[in-house]
N, C-alpha and C. Protein backbone atom coordinates (compact mmCIF):
# COMPACT_ATOMS: atom_id res chain seq x y z
N MET A 1 0.83 -1.19 0.00
CA MET A 1 0.00 0.00 0.00
C MET A 1 0.87 1.26 0.00
N ALA A 2 1.92 1.27 0.82
CA ALA A 2 2.80 2.44 0.89
C ALA A 2 3.56 2.64 -0.43
N LYS A 3 3.90 1.53 -1.08
CA LYS A 3 4.61 1.59 -2.36
C LYS A 3 3.72 2.22 -3.43
N ASP A 4 2.42 1.88 -3.45
CA ASP A 4 1.47 2.44 -4.40
C ASP A 4 1.32 3.95 -4.20
N VAL A 5 1.26 4.37 -2.95
CA VAL A 5 1.13 5.79 -2.64
C VAL A 5 2.39 6.54 -3.08
N GLN A 6 3.55 5.95 -2.81
CA GLN A 6 4.82 6.57 -3.22
C GLN A 6 4.90 6.71 -4.74
N ASP A 7 4.51 5.66 -5.48
CA ASP A 7 4.51 5.72 -6.94
C ASP A 7 3.55 6.78 -7.45
N TYR A 8 2.39 6.88 -6.81
CA TYR A 8 1.39 7.87 -7.20
C TYR A 8 1.92 9.29 -6.99
N LEU A 9 2.57 9.52 -5.87
CA LEU A 9 3.12 10.83 -5.56
C LEU A 9 4.25 11.20 -6.54
N GLU A 10 5.13 10.25 -6.83
CA GLU A 10 6.23 10.51 -7.75
C GLU A 10 5.72 10.79 -9.16
N LYS A 11 4.71 10.09 -9.58
CA LYS A 11 4.12 10.31 -10.90
C LYS A 11 3.48 11.70 -10.95
N GLY A 12 2.87 12.12 -9.89
CA GLY A 12 2.26 13.44 -9.83
C GLY A 12 3.28 14.55 -9.83
N MET A 13 4.41 14.33 -9.16
CA MET A 13 5.44 15.37 -9.07
C MET A 13 6.32 15.43 -10.32
N TYR A 14 6.73 14.29 -10.85
CA TYR A 14 7.71 14.24 -11.94
C TYR A 14 7.14 13.82 -13.28
N GLY A 15 5.89 13.42 -13.31
CA GLY A 15 5.29 12.93 -14.55
C GLY A 15 5.54 11.44 -14.70
N ALA A 16 4.93 10.87 -15.72
CA ALA A 16 5.08 9.44 -15.97
C ALA A 16 6.51 9.14 -16.42
N PRO A 17 7.08 8.03 -15.97
CA PRO A 17 8.44 7.69 -16.42
C PRO A 17 8.46 7.39 -17.91
N GLN A 18 9.55 7.80 -18.58
CA GLN A 18 9.68 7.60 -20.02
C GLN A 18 10.79 6.61 -20.32
N ILE A 19 10.63 5.92 -21.44
CA ILE A 19 11.64 4.98 -21.91
C ILE A 19 12.55 5.73 -22.89
N LYS A 20 13.84 5.68 -22.67
CA LYS A 20 14.87 6.29 -23.52
C LYS A 20 14.55 7.74 -23.90
N PRO A 21 14.46 8.65 -22.94
CA PRO A 21 14.09 10.03 -23.28
C PRO A 21 15.14 10.74 -24.13
N ASP A 22 16.44 10.45 -23.93
CA ASP A 22 17.49 11.11 -24.74
C ASP A 22 17.40 10.68 -26.20
N GLU A 23 17.15 9.41 -26.43
CA GLU A 23 17.01 8.90 -27.80
C GLU A 23 15.81 9.52 -28.48
N LYS A 24 14.70 9.62 -27.77
CA LYS A 24 13.50 10.22 -28.34
C LYS A 24 13.72 11.71 -28.62
N ARG A 25 14.46 12.39 -27.77
CA ARG A 25 14.75 13.80 -27.98
C ARG A 25 15.61 13.99 -29.23
N LYS A 26 16.60 13.11 -29.41
CA LYS A 26 17.50 13.21 -30.56
C LYS A 26 16.77 12.95 -31.87
N TYR A 27 15.92 11.93 -31.91
CA TYR A 27 15.25 11.50 -33.13
C TYR A 27 13.83 12.06 -33.25
N LEU A 28 13.62 13.27 -32.79
CA LEU A 28 12.37 14.01 -32.97
C LEU A 28 11.14 13.30 -32.42
N GLY A 29 11.30 12.63 -31.30
CA GLY A 29 10.16 12.03 -30.61
C GLY A 29 9.90 10.57 -30.91
N THR A 30 10.77 9.92 -31.64
CA THR A 30 10.58 8.50 -31.93
C THR A 30 11.83 7.72 -31.54
N PHE A 31 11.71 6.41 -31.54
CA PHE A 31 12.84 5.55 -31.19
C PHE A 31 13.68 5.25 -32.42
N ARG A 32 14.95 5.02 -32.23
CA ARG A 32 15.88 4.78 -33.31
C ARG A 32 15.52 3.53 -34.12
N GLU A 33 15.00 2.52 -33.47
CA GLU A 33 14.71 1.26 -34.18
C GLU A 33 13.51 1.36 -35.12
N ARG A 34 12.76 2.46 -35.07
CA ARG A 34 11.60 2.64 -35.96
C ARG A 34 11.94 3.43 -37.23
N ILE A 35 13.17 3.89 -37.35
CA ILE A 35 13.55 4.84 -38.40
C ILE A 35 14.02 4.13 -39.67
N TYR A 36 13.50 4.59 -40.80
CA TYR A 36 13.94 4.13 -42.12
C TYR A 36 15.05 5.03 -42.66
N LEU A 37 14.93 6.34 -42.43
CA LEU A 37 15.88 7.31 -42.97
C LEU A 37 15.93 8.53 -42.06
N SER A 38 17.13 9.08 -41.87
CA SER A 38 17.28 10.33 -41.12
C SER A 38 18.24 11.25 -41.86
N MET A 39 18.02 12.55 -41.67
CA MET A 39 18.89 13.57 -42.27
C MET A 39 19.16 14.65 -41.24
N THR A 40 20.38 15.18 -41.29
CA THR A 40 20.70 16.33 -40.43
C THR A 40 20.19 17.59 -41.11
N LEU A 41 20.21 18.70 -40.37
CA LEU A 41 19.77 19.97 -40.94
C LEU A 41 20.65 20.36 -42.13
N ALA A 42 21.95 20.10 -42.04
CA ALA A 42 22.87 20.45 -43.13
C ALA A 42 22.63 19.58 -44.36
N GLU A 43 22.30 18.31 -44.18
CA GLU A 43 22.08 17.40 -45.31
C GLU A 43 20.80 17.70 -46.08
N MET A 44 19.85 18.36 -45.44
CA MET A 44 18.55 18.57 -46.06
C MET A 44 18.58 19.59 -47.20
N SER A 45 19.62 20.40 -47.30
CA SER A 45 19.68 21.40 -48.36
C SER A 45 20.30 20.87 -49.64
N LYS A 46 20.79 19.63 -49.64
CA LYS A 46 21.40 19.05 -50.83
C LYS A 46 20.33 18.39 -51.71
N ALA A 47 20.38 18.68 -53.00
CA ALA A 47 19.35 18.20 -53.93
C ALA A 47 19.34 16.69 -54.05
N ASN A 48 20.51 16.05 -54.05
CA ASN A 48 20.51 14.59 -54.18
C ASN A 48 19.90 13.92 -52.96
N ASN A 49 20.00 14.53 -51.79
CA ASN A 49 19.38 13.96 -50.60
C ASN A 49 17.86 14.04 -50.67
N LEU A 50 17.33 15.08 -51.31
CA LEU A 50 15.88 15.15 -51.53
C LEU A 50 15.44 14.01 -52.43
N ALA A 51 16.23 13.71 -53.45
CA ALA A 51 15.92 12.59 -54.35
C ALA A 51 15.97 11.26 -53.61
N TYR A 52 16.96 11.10 -52.74
CA TYR A 52 17.05 9.87 -51.94
C TYR A 52 15.87 9.76 -50.98
N PHE A 53 15.42 10.88 -50.43
CA PHE A 53 14.25 10.89 -49.55
C PHE A 53 13.01 10.42 -50.31
N LYS A 54 12.83 10.93 -51.52
CA LYS A 54 11.68 10.52 -52.34
C LYS A 54 11.76 9.04 -52.69
N GLU A 55 12.96 8.57 -52.94
CA GLU A 55 13.15 7.14 -53.23
C GLU A 55 12.77 6.29 -52.02
N GLU A 56 13.15 6.74 -50.84
CA GLU A 56 12.82 6.01 -49.60
C GLU A 56 11.31 5.99 -49.37
N LEU A 57 10.63 7.08 -49.70
CA LEU A 57 9.17 7.14 -49.56
C LEU A 57 8.48 6.13 -50.47
N THR A 58 9.04 5.90 -51.66
CA THR A 58 8.43 4.92 -52.56
C THR A 58 8.78 3.49 -52.17
N LYS A 59 9.99 3.27 -51.63
CA LYS A 59 10.37 1.91 -51.21
C LYS A 59 9.61 1.46 -49.97
N ASN A 60 9.38 2.36 -49.02
CA ASN A 60 8.70 2.04 -47.76
C ASN A 60 7.54 3.01 -47.57
N PRO A 61 6.40 2.78 -48.24
CA PRO A 61 5.30 3.75 -48.19
C PRO A 61 4.51 3.70 -46.88
N ASN A 62 3.71 4.76 -46.69
CA ASN A 62 2.70 4.85 -45.63
C ASN A 62 3.27 4.88 -44.22
N HIS A 63 4.32 5.65 -44.03
CA HIS A 63 4.84 5.88 -42.69
C HIS A 63 4.83 7.38 -42.44
N GLN A 64 5.42 7.83 -41.34
CA GLN A 64 5.34 9.24 -40.97
C GLN A 64 6.68 9.95 -41.10
N VAL A 65 6.63 11.18 -41.59
CA VAL A 65 7.81 12.03 -41.72
C VAL A 65 7.76 13.04 -40.57
N LEU A 66 8.85 13.11 -39.81
CA LEU A 66 8.98 14.08 -38.72
C LEU A 66 10.01 15.11 -39.15
N ILE A 67 9.64 16.38 -39.12
CA ILE A 67 10.51 17.47 -39.56
C ILE A 67 10.81 18.38 -38.39
N ASN A 68 12.08 18.73 -38.22
CA ASN A 68 12.52 19.62 -37.16
C ASN A 68 11.99 21.02 -37.43
N ALA A 69 11.42 21.66 -36.42
CA ALA A 69 10.86 23.00 -36.56
C ALA A 69 11.96 24.05 -36.76
N ALA A 70 13.20 23.74 -36.43
CA ALA A 70 14.31 24.69 -36.59
C ALA A 70 14.77 24.79 -38.04
N LEU A 71 14.26 23.95 -38.91
CA LEU A 71 14.62 23.97 -40.33
C LEU A 71 14.05 25.22 -40.99
N ALA A 72 14.76 25.75 -41.97
CA ALA A 72 14.29 26.93 -42.70
C ALA A 72 12.92 26.64 -43.32
N PRO A 73 12.01 27.61 -43.28
CA PRO A 73 10.64 27.37 -43.77
C PRO A 73 10.56 26.90 -45.21
N HIS A 74 11.40 27.41 -46.11
CA HIS A 74 11.30 26.98 -47.50
C HIS A 74 11.75 25.52 -47.66
N LEU A 75 12.68 25.05 -46.81
CA LEU A 75 13.07 23.64 -46.84
C LEU A 75 11.98 22.77 -46.22
N GLN A 76 11.36 23.27 -45.15
CA GLN A 76 10.23 22.54 -44.57
C GLN A 76 9.16 22.32 -45.63
N ASN A 77 8.86 23.38 -46.37
CA ASN A 77 7.84 23.30 -47.41
C ASN A 77 8.21 22.28 -48.48
N THR A 78 9.48 22.27 -48.89
CA THR A 78 9.94 21.34 -49.93
C THR A 78 9.71 19.90 -49.50
N TYR A 79 10.08 19.57 -48.27
CA TYR A 79 9.93 18.19 -47.79
C TYR A 79 8.48 17.86 -47.47
N MET A 80 7.68 18.85 -47.07
CA MET A 80 6.26 18.60 -46.83
C MET A 80 5.54 18.29 -48.15
N VAL A 81 5.89 19.02 -49.20
CA VAL A 81 5.28 18.78 -50.51
C VAL A 81 5.66 17.39 -51.02
N ALA A 82 6.93 17.02 -50.85
CA ALA A 82 7.36 15.68 -51.27
C ALA A 82 6.61 14.60 -50.49
N SER A 83 6.38 14.82 -49.21
CA SER A 83 5.63 13.86 -48.39
C SER A 83 4.18 13.76 -48.84
N GLN A 84 3.58 14.90 -49.13
CA GLN A 84 2.18 14.90 -49.56
C GLN A 84 2.01 14.20 -50.90
N LYS A 85 2.96 14.41 -51.82
CA LYS A 85 2.87 13.76 -53.13
C LYS A 85 2.98 12.25 -53.01
N ALA A 86 3.68 11.76 -51.98
CA ALA A 86 3.82 10.32 -51.76
C ALA A 86 2.72 9.79 -50.83
N ASN A 87 1.71 10.61 -50.52
CA ASN A 87 0.62 10.25 -49.61
C ASN A 87 1.13 9.80 -48.25
N CYS A 88 2.10 10.54 -47.74
CA CYS A 88 2.71 10.26 -46.44
C CYS A 88 2.34 11.36 -45.46
N SER A 89 2.03 11.00 -44.25
CA SER A 89 1.74 12.02 -43.25
C SER A 89 3.05 12.62 -42.75
N PHE A 90 2.99 13.85 -42.30
CA PHE A 90 4.17 14.51 -41.76
C PHE A 90 3.77 15.31 -40.53
N LYS A 91 4.78 15.62 -39.72
CA LYS A 91 4.56 16.39 -38.50
C LYS A 91 5.78 17.26 -38.26
N ILE A 92 5.55 18.52 -37.90
CA ILE A 92 6.63 19.43 -37.53
C ILE A 92 6.83 19.27 -36.03
N VAL A 93 8.08 18.96 -35.63
CA VAL A 93 8.38 18.69 -34.23
C VAL A 93 9.27 19.80 -33.69
N ASP A 94 8.84 20.44 -32.63
CA ASP A 94 9.62 21.50 -32.00
C ASP A 94 10.34 20.92 -30.79
N THR A 95 11.66 20.86 -30.87
CA THR A 95 12.46 20.34 -29.78
C THR A 95 13.42 21.40 -29.31
N GLU A 96 13.83 21.31 -28.08
CA GLU A 96 14.76 22.31 -27.54
C GLU A 96 16.19 22.02 -27.99
N ASN A 97 16.92 23.07 -28.28
CA ASN A 97 18.35 23.00 -28.65
C ASN A 97 18.60 22.10 -29.85
N GLN A 98 17.81 22.21 -30.88
CA GLN A 98 17.99 21.37 -32.07
C GLN A 98 18.21 22.22 -33.31
N ALA A 99 18.96 23.34 -33.21
CA ALA A 99 19.17 24.22 -34.35
C ALA A 99 20.57 24.10 -34.93
N GLN A 100 21.44 23.27 -34.39
CA GLN A 100 22.78 23.11 -34.93
C GLN A 100 22.71 22.34 -36.25
N PRO A 101 23.66 22.59 -37.18
CA PRO A 101 23.63 21.89 -38.48
C PRO A 101 23.74 20.37 -38.36
N GLU A 102 24.37 19.86 -37.31
CA GLU A 102 24.51 18.42 -37.16
C GLU A 102 23.32 17.77 -36.42
N ALA A 103 22.34 18.58 -36.02
CA ALA A 103 21.14 18.04 -35.37
C ALA A 103 20.25 17.37 -36.41
N ILE A 104 19.45 16.43 -35.98
CA ILE A 104 18.54 15.72 -36.87
C ILE A 104 17.48 16.70 -37.37
N GLY A 105 17.31 16.76 -38.69
CA GLY A 105 16.34 17.66 -39.30
C GLY A 105 15.11 16.95 -39.82
N LEU A 106 15.26 15.67 -40.19
CA LEU A 106 14.15 14.91 -40.73
C LEU A 106 14.30 13.45 -40.36
N VAL A 107 13.19 12.83 -40.03
CA VAL A 107 13.16 11.40 -39.71
C VAL A 107 11.96 10.80 -40.44
N TYR A 108 12.19 9.70 -41.14
CA TYR A 108 11.11 8.94 -41.75
C TYR A 108 10.98 7.65 -40.96
N ALA A 109 9.90 7.52 -40.20
CA ALA A 109 9.78 6.42 -39.24
C ALA A 109 8.42 5.75 -39.33
N GLY A 110 8.41 4.48 -38.93
CA GLY A 110 7.18 3.70 -38.87
C GLY A 110 6.66 3.61 -37.45
N GLU A 111 5.57 2.90 -37.29
CA GLU A 111 4.96 2.70 -35.97
C GLU A 111 5.61 1.56 -35.19
N GLU A 112 6.27 0.64 -35.90
CA GLU A 112 6.87 -0.52 -35.26
C GLU A 112 8.37 -0.56 -35.56
N ALA A 113 9.09 -1.35 -34.80
CA ALA A 113 10.53 -1.47 -34.98
C ALA A 113 10.87 -2.14 -36.31
N VAL A 114 11.87 -1.57 -37.03
CA VAL A 114 12.34 -2.16 -38.28
C VAL A 114 13.84 -2.47 -38.22
N ASP A 115 14.55 -1.84 -37.31
CA ASP A 115 15.99 -2.07 -37.10
C ASP A 115 16.81 -2.05 -38.38
N ILE A 116 16.72 -0.97 -39.13
CA ILE A 116 17.52 -0.79 -40.34
C ILE A 116 18.82 -0.10 -39.97
N ASP A 117 19.91 -0.57 -40.54
CA ASP A 117 21.21 0.04 -40.29
C ASP A 117 21.96 0.13 -41.59
N PRO A 118 22.44 1.22 -42.02
CA PRO A 118 22.41 2.55 -41.41
C PRO A 118 21.12 3.29 -41.75
N ILE A 119 20.84 4.35 -40.99
CA ILE A 119 19.65 5.16 -41.24
C ILE A 119 20.01 6.53 -41.79
N SER A 120 21.24 6.97 -41.60
CA SER A 120 21.67 8.27 -42.08
C SER A 120 21.70 8.27 -43.60
N VAL A 121 21.23 9.34 -44.22
CA VAL A 121 21.15 9.41 -45.68
C VAL A 121 22.53 9.33 -46.31
N THR A 122 23.54 9.92 -45.69
CA THR A 122 24.88 9.87 -46.29
C THR A 122 25.49 8.48 -46.18
N GLU A 123 25.25 7.79 -45.10
CA GLU A 123 25.78 6.43 -44.94
C GLU A 123 25.02 5.44 -45.82
N LYS A 124 23.73 5.66 -45.97
CA LYS A 124 22.89 4.73 -46.70
C LYS A 124 23.04 4.86 -48.22
N TYR A 125 23.18 6.10 -48.71
CA TYR A 125 23.20 6.33 -50.15
C TYR A 125 24.51 6.91 -50.67
N ASP A 126 25.52 7.05 -49.83
CA ASP A 126 26.78 7.66 -50.24
C ASP A 126 27.52 6.84 -51.29
N HIS A 127 27.40 5.53 -51.23
CA HIS A 127 28.11 4.66 -52.17
C HIS A 127 27.47 4.61 -53.55
N GLN A 128 26.23 5.11 -53.68
CA GLN A 128 25.54 5.05 -54.96
C GLN A 128 25.98 6.21 -55.85
N PRO A 129 26.12 5.96 -57.16
CA PRO A 129 26.42 7.07 -58.07
C PRO A 129 25.20 7.96 -58.19
N ASP A 130 25.42 9.19 -58.59
CA ASP A 130 24.31 10.13 -58.73
C ASP A 130 23.55 9.85 -60.01
N ALA A 131 22.87 8.71 -60.03
CA ALA A 131 22.09 8.31 -61.21
C ALA A 131 20.71 8.95 -61.19
N LEU A 132 20.34 9.51 -60.04
CA LEU A 132 19.04 10.14 -59.95
C LEU A 132 19.05 11.47 -60.69
N ASN A 133 17.90 11.87 -61.17
CA ASN A 133 17.79 13.13 -61.89
C ASN A 133 17.75 14.27 -60.89
N VAL A 134 18.89 14.89 -60.65
CA VAL A 134 19.00 15.93 -59.63
C VAL A 134 18.31 17.21 -60.07
N GLU A 135 18.27 17.49 -61.37
CA GLU A 135 17.61 18.70 -61.85
C GLU A 135 16.12 18.69 -61.52
N GLU A 136 15.53 17.50 -61.58
CA GLU A 136 14.10 17.37 -61.31
C GLU A 136 13.79 17.63 -59.84
N THR A 137 14.71 17.35 -58.96
CA THR A 137 14.45 17.45 -57.53
C THR A 137 15.29 18.54 -56.89
N LYS A 138 15.48 19.64 -57.58
CA LYS A 138 16.31 20.73 -57.07
C LYS A 138 15.66 21.36 -55.84
N VAL A 139 16.45 21.55 -54.81
CA VAL A 139 15.98 22.19 -53.59
C VAL A 139 16.20 23.69 -53.74
N PRO A 140 15.17 24.51 -53.59
CA PRO A 140 15.35 25.95 -53.76
C PRO A 140 16.24 26.53 -52.66
N ASP A 141 17.08 27.50 -53.06
CA ASP A 141 17.94 28.17 -52.09
C ASP A 141 17.13 29.05 -51.15
N ARG A 142 16.12 29.68 -51.69
CA ARG A 142 15.23 30.52 -50.90
C ARG A 142 13.88 30.55 -51.60
N PRO A 143 12.85 30.96 -50.90
CA PRO A 143 11.53 30.96 -51.52
C PRO A 143 11.46 31.97 -52.65
N PRO A 144 10.62 31.73 -53.66
CA PRO A 144 10.50 32.69 -54.76
C PRO A 144 9.92 34.00 -54.27
N LYS A 145 10.41 35.08 -54.86
CA LYS A 145 9.94 36.40 -54.46
C LYS A 145 8.55 36.62 -55.03
N LYS A 146 7.63 37.03 -54.17
CA LYS A 146 6.25 37.25 -54.60
C LYS A 146 6.06 38.71 -54.98
N LYS A 147 5.23 38.93 -56.00
CA LYS A 147 4.91 40.29 -56.39
C LYS A 147 3.78 40.81 -55.51
N GLY A 148 3.85 42.07 -55.19
CA GLY A 148 2.76 42.71 -54.47
C GLY A 148 1.60 42.94 -55.40
N TRP A 149 0.52 43.48 -54.90
CA TRP A 149 -0.63 43.64 -55.77
C TRP A 149 -0.43 44.70 -56.79
N LEU A 150 0.41 45.70 -56.48
CA LEU A 150 0.72 46.69 -57.50
C LEU A 150 1.55 46.09 -58.63
N GLY A 151 2.47 45.21 -58.30
CA GLY A 151 3.28 44.55 -59.30
C GLY A 151 2.44 43.64 -60.21
N GLN A 152 1.40 43.04 -59.63
CA GLN A 152 0.50 42.22 -60.43
C GLN A 152 -0.43 43.07 -61.31
N LEU A 153 -0.74 44.26 -60.82
CA LEU A 153 -1.63 45.15 -61.55
C LEU A 153 -0.94 45.72 -62.79
N PHE A 154 0.38 46.04 -62.65
CA PHE A 154 1.14 46.65 -63.76
C PHE A 154 2.15 45.65 -64.29
N LYS A 155 1.71 44.61 -64.93
CA LYS A 155 2.61 43.59 -65.48
C LYS A 155 3.37 44.11 -66.66
């Protein structure tokens, strides 16, 4: 009886105990064994990595894409559009202290463990020649400049 009361009090004060909280923090809220592909913030701006991401979406369909909220908005949009075209759900994850270039920027993960090794895009696809059409999957450097309404009025 005293043990139950102690557990109840600790849960109330500190919250429910979590399994592998550091791993979940690193991989945007999921476990490492559920991941098919991961990219750092720096890797996400390379066009060939976008092509590899699209290839992974077609090889392993119907899973979830987790995107770091610290990523530049135009890159977030690029990967969200790629996810939508592949009929994949996505979620923007806001984590603390995840703005460094070597921090995880994107995770493609399932609901159950798959234990794929390696998961990093550079380790997984680095040995392949650039046979993919990189021009088709170009990542924009910045969002296109929009015209104001006066600019649209006086074309």
